[in-house]
Amino acid sequence: MSLRIRPEQKALLARAAALKQTDLTTFVTRSALREAEAVVKAAECVSLSERDSLLVLDLLENPPPANARLRAAIADMPKPA
């Protein structure tokens, strides 16, 4: 992988790498991976408020009766062989 960055950006990254006592490649790789993991986690996780969490738990413990659309969808499902 190669990056095109301004000299002052490279100098800042090199300074930060030196302060972390690592080389530039390792510093950039670790930093990019940390950010990538955070982005993926944020995209894949759903955070609920306490109120919404309690609502979901209540619905799981006390599900409402199936309505006509749900019963029709269940009836249309293929039967296991």
N, C-alpha and C. Protein backbone atom coordinates (compact mmCIF):
# COMPACT_ATOMS: atom_id res chain seq x y z
N MET A 1 0.85 -1.16 0.00
CA MET A 1 0.00 0.00 0.00
C MET A 1 0.90 1.23 0.00
N SER A 2 0.52 2.20 -0.77
CA SER A 2 1.27 3.46 -0.75
C SER A 2 0.28 4.59 -0.55
N LEU A 3 0.74 5.63 0.10
CA LEU A 3 -0.11 6.78 0.39
C LEU A 3 0.52 8.04 -0.17
N ARG A 4 -0.32 8.92 -0.63
CA ARG A 4 0.15 10.23 -1.08
C ARG A 4 -0.31 11.24 -0.03
N ILE A 5 0.65 11.74 0.70
CA ILE A 5 0.33 12.73 1.73
C ILE A 5 1.32 13.88 1.63
N ARG A 6 0.91 15.01 2.17
CA ARG A 6 1.77 16.19 2.15
C ARG A 6 2.96 15.96 3.10
N PRO A 7 4.08 16.61 2.81
CA PRO A 7 5.27 16.43 3.65
C PRO A 7 5.01 16.73 5.13
N GLU A 8 4.20 17.75 5.41
CA GLU A 8 3.94 18.07 6.81
C GLU A 8 3.09 16.99 7.50
N GLN A 9 2.24 16.31 6.73
CA GLN A 9 1.48 15.20 7.29
C GLN A 9 2.41 14.02 7.61
N LYS A 10 3.32 13.75 6.69
CA LYS A 10 4.27 12.66 6.92
C LYS A 10 5.16 12.98 8.12
N ALA A 11 5.56 14.23 8.24
CA ALA A 11 6.40 14.62 9.37
C ALA A 11 5.65 14.44 10.69
N LEU A 12 4.39 14.79 10.71
CA LEU A 12 3.59 14.61 11.92
C LEU A 12 3.45 13.13 12.28
N LEU A 13 3.17 12.31 11.27
CA LEU A 13 3.06 10.87 11.51
C LEU A 13 4.39 10.29 12.00
N ALA A 14 5.48 10.72 11.40
CA ALA A 14 6.80 10.24 11.81
C ALA A 14 7.11 10.66 13.24
N ARG A 15 6.74 11.88 13.60
CA ARG A 15 6.97 12.35 14.97
C ARG A 15 6.15 11.53 15.96
N ALA A 16 4.89 11.29 15.62
CA ALA A 16 4.04 10.48 16.50
C ALA A 16 4.58 9.06 16.63
N ALA A 17 5.04 8.49 15.53
CA ALA A 17 5.62 7.14 15.57
C ALA A 17 6.84 7.12 16.48
N ALA A 18 7.68 8.13 16.37
CA ALA A 18 8.87 8.20 17.22
C ALA A 18 8.49 8.30 18.70
N LEU A 19 7.46 9.09 18.99
CA LEU A 19 7.01 9.22 20.37
C LEU A 19 6.46 7.90 20.92
N LYS A 20 5.92 7.08 20.03
CA LYS A 20 5.43 5.75 20.42
C LYS A 20 6.54 4.70 20.35
N GLN A 21 7.73 5.15 19.98
CA GLN A 21 8.91 4.28 19.86
C GLN A 21 8.65 3.12 18.90
N THR A 22 8.14 3.47 17.73
CA THR A 22 7.89 2.48 16.68
C THR A 22 8.21 3.11 15.33
N ASP A 23 8.25 2.29 14.31
CA ASP A 23 8.52 2.84 12.98
C ASP A 23 7.22 3.36 12.37
N LEU A 24 7.37 4.13 11.32
CA LEU A 24 6.22 4.79 10.68
C LEU A 24 5.21 3.78 10.16
N THR A 25 5.67 2.71 9.51
CA THR A 25 4.76 1.71 8.96
C THR A 25 3.92 1.07 10.06
N THR A 26 4.55 0.68 11.14
CA THR A 26 3.83 0.05 12.25
C THR A 26 2.84 1.03 12.86
N PHE A 27 3.26 2.27 13.05
CA PHE A 27 2.38 3.28 13.63
C PHE A 27 1.14 3.50 12.77
N VAL A 28 1.35 3.70 11.48
CA VAL A 28 0.23 3.95 10.57
C VAL A 28 -0.68 2.72 10.49
N THR A 29 -0.10 1.53 10.41
CA THR A 29 -0.89 0.31 10.32
C THR A 29 -1.75 0.14 11.57
N ARG A 30 -1.14 0.27 12.73
CA ARG A 30 -1.90 0.11 13.98
C ARG A 30 -3.02 1.14 14.09
N SER A 31 -2.70 2.38 13.75
CA SER A 31 -3.70 3.44 13.84
C SER A 31 -4.85 3.21 12.87
N ALA A 32 -4.52 2.82 11.65
CA ALA A 32 -5.56 2.57 10.64
C ALA A 32 -6.42 1.38 11.02
N LEU A 33 -5.80 0.33 11.54
CA LEU A 33 -6.57 -0.85 11.95
C LEU A 33 -7.49 -0.54 13.12
N ARG A 34 -7.01 0.24 14.07
CA ARG A 34 -7.84 0.64 15.21
C ARG A 34 -9.07 1.41 14.72
N GLU A 35 -8.86 2.33 13.80
CA GLU A 35 -9.97 3.12 13.25
C GLU A 35 -10.91 2.24 12.44
N ALA A 36 -10.36 1.33 11.64
CA ALA A 36 -11.19 0.42 10.84
C ALA A 36 -12.07 -0.44 11.73
N GLU A 37 -11.49 -0.96 12.81
CA GLU A 37 -12.28 -1.78 13.74
C GLU A 37 -13.40 -0.97 14.37
N ALA A 38 -13.13 0.27 14.72
CA ALA A 38 -14.15 1.13 15.32
C ALA A 38 -15.27 1.42 14.33
N VAL A 39 -14.92 1.68 13.08
CA VAL A 39 -15.92 1.97 12.06
C VAL A 39 -16.81 0.75 11.82
N VAL A 40 -16.19 -0.42 11.69
CA VAL A 40 -16.96 -1.65 11.44
C VAL A 40 -17.85 -1.95 12.64
N LYS A 41 -17.32 -1.82 13.84
CA LYS A 41 -18.12 -2.09 15.04
C LYS A 41 -19.32 -1.15 15.12
N ALA A 42 -19.09 0.13 14.85
CA ALA A 42 -20.18 1.10 14.90
C ALA A 42 -21.25 0.79 13.86
N ALA A 43 -20.83 0.30 12.70
CA ALA A 43 -21.79 -0.01 11.64
C ALA A 43 -22.57 -1.29 11.92
N GLU A 44 -21.97 -2.21 12.66
CA GLU A 44 -22.59 -3.51 12.89
C GLU A 44 -23.33 -3.62 14.21
N CYS A 45 -23.13 -2.69 15.11
CA CYS A 45 -23.76 -2.76 16.43
C CYS A 45 -24.96 -1.83 16.50
N VAL A 46 -25.96 -2.28 17.20
CA VAL A 46 -27.13 -1.46 17.46
C VAL A 46 -27.12 -1.13 18.95
N SER A 47 -27.14 0.13 19.26
CA SER A 47 -27.16 0.54 20.66
C SER A 47 -28.57 0.99 21.01
N LEU A 48 -29.09 0.44 22.08
CA LEU A 48 -30.43 0.80 22.52
C LEU A 48 -30.35 1.59 23.82
N SER A 49 -31.30 2.48 23.98
CA SER A 49 -31.42 3.17 25.26
C SER A 49 -31.91 2.16 26.30
N GLU A 50 -31.83 2.52 27.56
CA GLU A 50 -32.33 1.62 28.60
C GLU A 50 -33.81 1.32 28.39
N ARG A 51 -34.57 2.35 28.03
CA ARG A 51 -36.01 2.17 27.80
C ARG A 51 -36.26 1.19 26.67
N ASP A 52 -35.54 1.35 25.55
CA ASP A 52 -35.72 0.46 24.41
C ASP A 52 -35.25 -0.96 24.73
N SER A 53 -34.18 -1.08 25.50
CA SER A 53 -33.70 -2.41 25.89
C SER A 53 -34.76 -3.13 26.71
N LEU A 54 -35.37 -2.42 27.64
CA LEU A 54 -36.42 -3.02 28.46
C LEU A 54 -37.63 -3.40 27.62
N LEU A 55 -37.96 -2.58 26.63
CA LEU A 55 -39.08 -2.89 25.74
C LEU A 55 -38.81 -4.16 24.95
N VAL A 56 -37.60 -4.30 24.41
CA VAL A 56 -37.25 -5.50 23.65
C VAL A 56 -37.32 -6.73 24.55
N LEU A 57 -36.77 -6.64 25.75
CA LEU A 57 -36.83 -7.77 26.68
C LEU A 57 -38.27 -8.14 27.01
N ASP A 58 -39.10 -7.13 27.23
CA ASP A 58 -40.50 -7.40 27.55
C ASP A 58 -41.21 -8.08 26.37
N LEU A 59 -40.93 -7.63 25.16
CA LEU A 59 -41.55 -8.25 23.98
C LEU A 59 -41.07 -9.68 23.79
N LEU A 60 -39.81 -9.96 24.12
CA LEU A 60 -39.31 -11.33 24.02
C LEU A 60 -39.96 -12.23 25.07
N GLU A 61 -40.15 -11.70 26.26
CA GLU A 61 -40.75 -12.49 27.33
C GLU A 61 -42.26 -12.59 27.21
N ASN A 62 -42.88 -11.59 26.61
CA ASN A 62 -44.34 -11.54 26.48
C ASN A 62 -44.71 -11.13 25.06
N PRO A 63 -44.48 -12.02 24.09
CA PRO A 63 -44.75 -11.63 22.70
C PRO A 63 -46.24 -11.41 22.47
N PRO A 64 -46.56 -10.45 21.61
CA PRO A 64 -47.97 -10.23 21.28
C PRO A 64 -48.48 -11.40 20.44
N PRO A 65 -49.79 -11.60 20.41
CA PRO A 65 -50.32 -12.69 19.58
C PRO A 65 -50.05 -12.43 18.10
N ALA A 66 -49.91 -13.51 17.34
CA ALA A 66 -49.66 -13.38 15.90
C ALA A 66 -50.86 -12.75 15.22
N ASN A 67 -50.59 -11.76 14.35
CA ASN A 67 -51.68 -11.15 13.60
C ASN A 67 -51.88 -11.92 12.29
N ALA A 68 -52.85 -11.49 11.50
CA ALA A 68 -53.20 -12.21 10.27
C ALA A 68 -52.02 -12.26 9.29
N ARG A 69 -51.28 -11.18 9.17
CA ARG A 69 -50.15 -11.17 8.23
C ARG A 69 -49.07 -12.16 8.65
N LEU A 70 -48.78 -12.23 9.95
CA LEU A 70 -47.78 -13.18 10.42
C LEU A 70 -48.26 -14.61 10.22
N ARG A 71 -49.53 -14.88 10.52
CA ARG A 71 -50.06 -16.23 10.31
C ARG A 71 -50.00 -16.62 8.84
N ALA A 72 -50.29 -15.67 7.95
CA ALA A 72 -50.23 -15.94 6.50
C ALA A 72 -48.79 -16.21 6.07
N ALA A 73 -47.84 -15.44 6.60
CA ALA A 73 -46.43 -15.64 6.25
C ALA A 73 -45.96 -17.01 6.73
N ILE A 74 -46.37 -17.40 7.92
CA ILE A 74 -46.00 -18.72 8.44
C ILE A 74 -46.60 -19.82 7.57
N ALA A 75 -47.84 -19.64 7.15
CA ALA A 75 -48.50 -20.64 6.31
C ALA A 75 -47.82 -20.77 4.96
N ASP A 76 -47.25 -19.68 4.46
CA ASP A 76 -46.59 -19.69 3.15
C ASP A 76 -45.16 -20.24 3.20
N MET A 77 -44.63 -20.47 4.39
CA MET A 77 -43.26 -20.97 4.50
C MET A 77 -43.19 -22.41 4.01
N PRO A 78 -42.08 -22.77 3.34
CA PRO A 78 -41.94 -24.16 2.91
C PRO A 78 -41.87 -25.09 4.12
N LYS A 79 -42.49 -26.24 3.98
CA LYS A 79 -42.49 -27.24 5.05
C LYS A 79 -41.19 -28.03 4.99
N PRO A 80 -40.60 -28.35 6.15
CA PRO A 80 -39.37 -29.15 6.15
C PRO A 80 -39.64 -30.55 5.61
N ALA A 81 -38.63 -31.10 4.94
CA ALA A 81 -38.80 -32.43 4.35
C ALA A 81 -38.71 -33.51 5.38
